C-alpha atoms as a PDB file:
ATOM      1  CA  MET A   1      87.184  13.787 -25.308  1.00  0.00           C
ATOM      2  CA  VAL A   2      87.633  14.541 -21.626  1.00  0.00           C
ATOM      3  CA  VAL A   3      90.787  13.543 -19.793  1.00  0.00           C
ATOM      4  CA  GLY A   4      90.996  14.329 -16.151  1.00  0.00           C
ATOM      5  CA  CYS A   5      89.599  13.885 -12.716  1.00  0.00           C
ATOM      6  CA  THR A   6      86.437  14.013 -10.696  1.00  0.00           C
ATOM      7  CA  ILE A   7      85.053  17.530 -10.390  1.00  0.00           C
ATOM      8  CA  LEU A   8      82.633  18.400  -7.617  1.00  0.00           C
ATOM      9  CA  GLU A   9      81.982  14.765  -6.865  1.00  0.00           C
ATOM     10  CA  ARG A  10      80.845  14.128 -10.444  1.00  0.00           C
ATOM     11  CA  SER A  11      82.152  10.771 -11.462  1.00  0.00           C
ATOM     12  CA  VAL A  12      83.380  10.826 -15.016  1.00  0.00           C
ATOM     13  CA  ASP A  13      84.789   7.766 -16.660  1.00  0.00           C
ATOM     14  CA  ALA A  14      87.603   9.738 -18.193  1.00  0.00           C
ATOM     15  CA  PRO A  15      91.006   8.328 -19.006  1.00  0.00           C
ATOM     16  CA  ARG A  16      93.996   9.551 -17.058  1.00  0.00           C
ATOM     17  CA  MET A  17      97.318  10.477 -18.565  1.00  0.00           C
ATOM     18  CA  THR A  18     100.873  10.802 -17.410  1.00  0.00           C
ATOM     19  CA  LYS A  19     102.759  14.071 -17.505  1.00  0.00           C
ATOM     20  CA  GLU A  20     104.832  12.631 -20.340  1.00  0.00           C
ATOM     21  CA  GLU A  21     101.673  11.960 -22.368  1.00  0.00           C
ATOM     22  CA  LEU A  22     100.467  15.505 -21.710  1.00  0.00           C
ATOM     23  CA  LYS A  23     103.845  16.998 -22.655  1.00  0.00           C
ATOM     24  CA  ALA A  24     103.636  15.179 -25.980  1.00  0.00           C
ATOM     25  CA  MET A  25     100.278  16.863 -26.654  1.00  0.00           C
ATOM     26  CA  LEU A  26     101.324  20.417 -25.739  1.00  0.00           C
ATOM     27  CA  GLY A  27     100.987  22.765 -28.677  1.00  0.00           C
ATOM     28  CA  ASN A  28      98.121  20.776 -30.202  1.00  0.00           C
ATOM     29  CA  PRO A  29      95.381  23.281 -31.173  1.00  0.00           C
ATOM     30  CA  ASN A  30      92.721  20.705 -30.230  1.00  0.00           C
ATOM     31  CA  LEU A  31      93.942  20.541 -26.619  1.00  0.00           C
ATOM     32  CA  ILE A  32      92.496  22.634 -23.798  1.00  0.00           C
ATOM     33  CA  ILE A  33      94.043  22.247 -20.342  1.00  0.00           C
ATOM     34  CA  ILE A  34      91.769  23.390 -17.530  1.00  0.00           C
ATOM     35  CA  ASP A  35      93.347  23.846 -14.104  1.00  0.00           C
ATOM     36  CA  VAL A  36      90.653  23.043 -11.543  1.00  0.00           C
ATOM     37  CA  ARG A  37      92.758  22.829  -8.421  1.00  0.00           C
ATOM     38  CA  HIS A  38      90.993  24.054  -5.295  1.00  0.00           C
ATOM     39  CA  GLY A  39      91.882  27.323  -3.560  1.00  0.00           C
ATOM     40  CA  LYS A  40      95.222  27.038  -1.808  1.00  0.00           C
ATOM     41  CA  ASP A  41      96.297  24.101  -3.979  1.00  0.00           C
ATOM     42  CA  TRP A  42      96.306  26.537  -6.894  1.00  0.00           C
ATOM     43  CA  THR A  43      97.284  29.830  -5.236  1.00  0.00           C
ATOM     44  CA  ASP A  44     100.141  28.347  -3.200  1.00  0.00           C
ATOM     45  CA  SER A  45     101.609  26.418  -6.105  1.00  0.00           C
ATOM     46  CA  ASP A  46     104.566  27.664  -8.108  1.00  0.00           C
ATOM     47  CA  LEU A  47     103.768  25.008 -10.684  1.00  0.00           C
ATOM     48  CA  LYS A  48     101.406  26.134 -13.421  1.00  0.00           C
ATOM     49  CA  ILE A  49     100.953  24.511 -16.806  1.00  0.00           C
ATOM     50  CA  ARG A  50     101.763  27.025 -19.530  1.00  0.00           C
ATOM     51  CA  GLY A  51      98.664  27.677 -21.610  1.00  0.00           C
ATOM     52  CA  ALA A  52      96.249  26.204 -19.083  1.00  0.00           C
ATOM     53  CA  VAL A  53      93.131  28.143 -18.203  1.00  0.00           C
ATOM     54  CA  ARG A  54      92.050  28.389 -14.578  1.00  0.00           C
ATOM     55  CA  GLU A  55      88.477  27.573 -13.658  1.00  0.00           C
ATOM     56  CA  ASP A  56      86.881  27.425 -10.229  1.00  0.00           C
ATOM     57  CA  PRO A  57      85.885  23.816  -9.555  1.00  0.00           C
ATOM     58  CA  GLU A  58      83.116  25.053  -7.261  1.00  0.00           C
ATOM     59  CA  ALA A  59      81.524  26.944 -10.175  1.00  0.00           C
ATOM     60  CA  PHE A  60      81.562  24.045 -12.649  1.00  0.00           C
ATOM     61  CA  ASP A  61      78.023  24.684 -13.901  1.00  0.00           C
ATOM     62  CA  SER A  62      78.891  28.265 -14.843  1.00  0.00           C
ATOM     63  CA  TRP A  63      81.778  27.350 -17.162  1.00  0.00           C
ATOM     64  CA  ALA A  64      81.289  23.710 -18.167  1.00  0.00           C
ATOM     65  CA  ASN A  65      79.539  24.463 -21.447  1.00  0.00           C
ATOM     66  CA  LYS A  66      81.856  27.201 -22.693  1.00  0.00           C
ATOM     67  CA  TYR A  67      84.466  24.786 -24.043  1.00  0.00           C
ATOM     68  CA  PRO A  68      84.014  23.208 -27.494  1.00  0.00           C
ATOM     69  CA  LYS A  69      82.913  19.580 -27.442  1.00  0.00           C
ATOM     70  CA  ASP A  70      85.201  18.722 -30.365  1.00  0.00           C
ATOM     71  CA  LYS A  71      88.371  19.552 -28.399  1.00  0.00           C
ATOM     72  CA  THR A  72      90.332  17.365 -25.995  1.00  0.00           C
ATOM     73  CA  LEU A  73      89.770  18.733 -22.501  1.00  0.00           C
ATOM     74  CA  VAL A  74      92.346  17.885 -19.852  1.00  0.00           C
ATOM     75  CA  PHE A  75      91.453  18.736 -16.268  1.00  0.00           C
ATOM     76  CA  TYR A  76      94.398  19.294 -13.950  1.00  0.00           C
ATOM     77  CA  CYS A  77      93.465  18.721 -10.337  1.00  0.00           C
ATOM     78  CA  ALA A  78      96.605  17.368  -8.650  1.00  0.00           C
END
């Protein structure tokens, strides 16, 4: 399952979740949080989700297939 946002103008009909819903899922071994904030949005932020992996949204094709399809992927792009 993919939960998240639009990456590189790719429209994905993915459900969105609240921060409370995400907090309830933290620690689940089937959850992968991928931080895909752009440049300064990521580097200038003091807010990082513990356990999230950072991926460059501009390089989506280079990393998109490395995550297991049987996991819940949450894309953080606020």
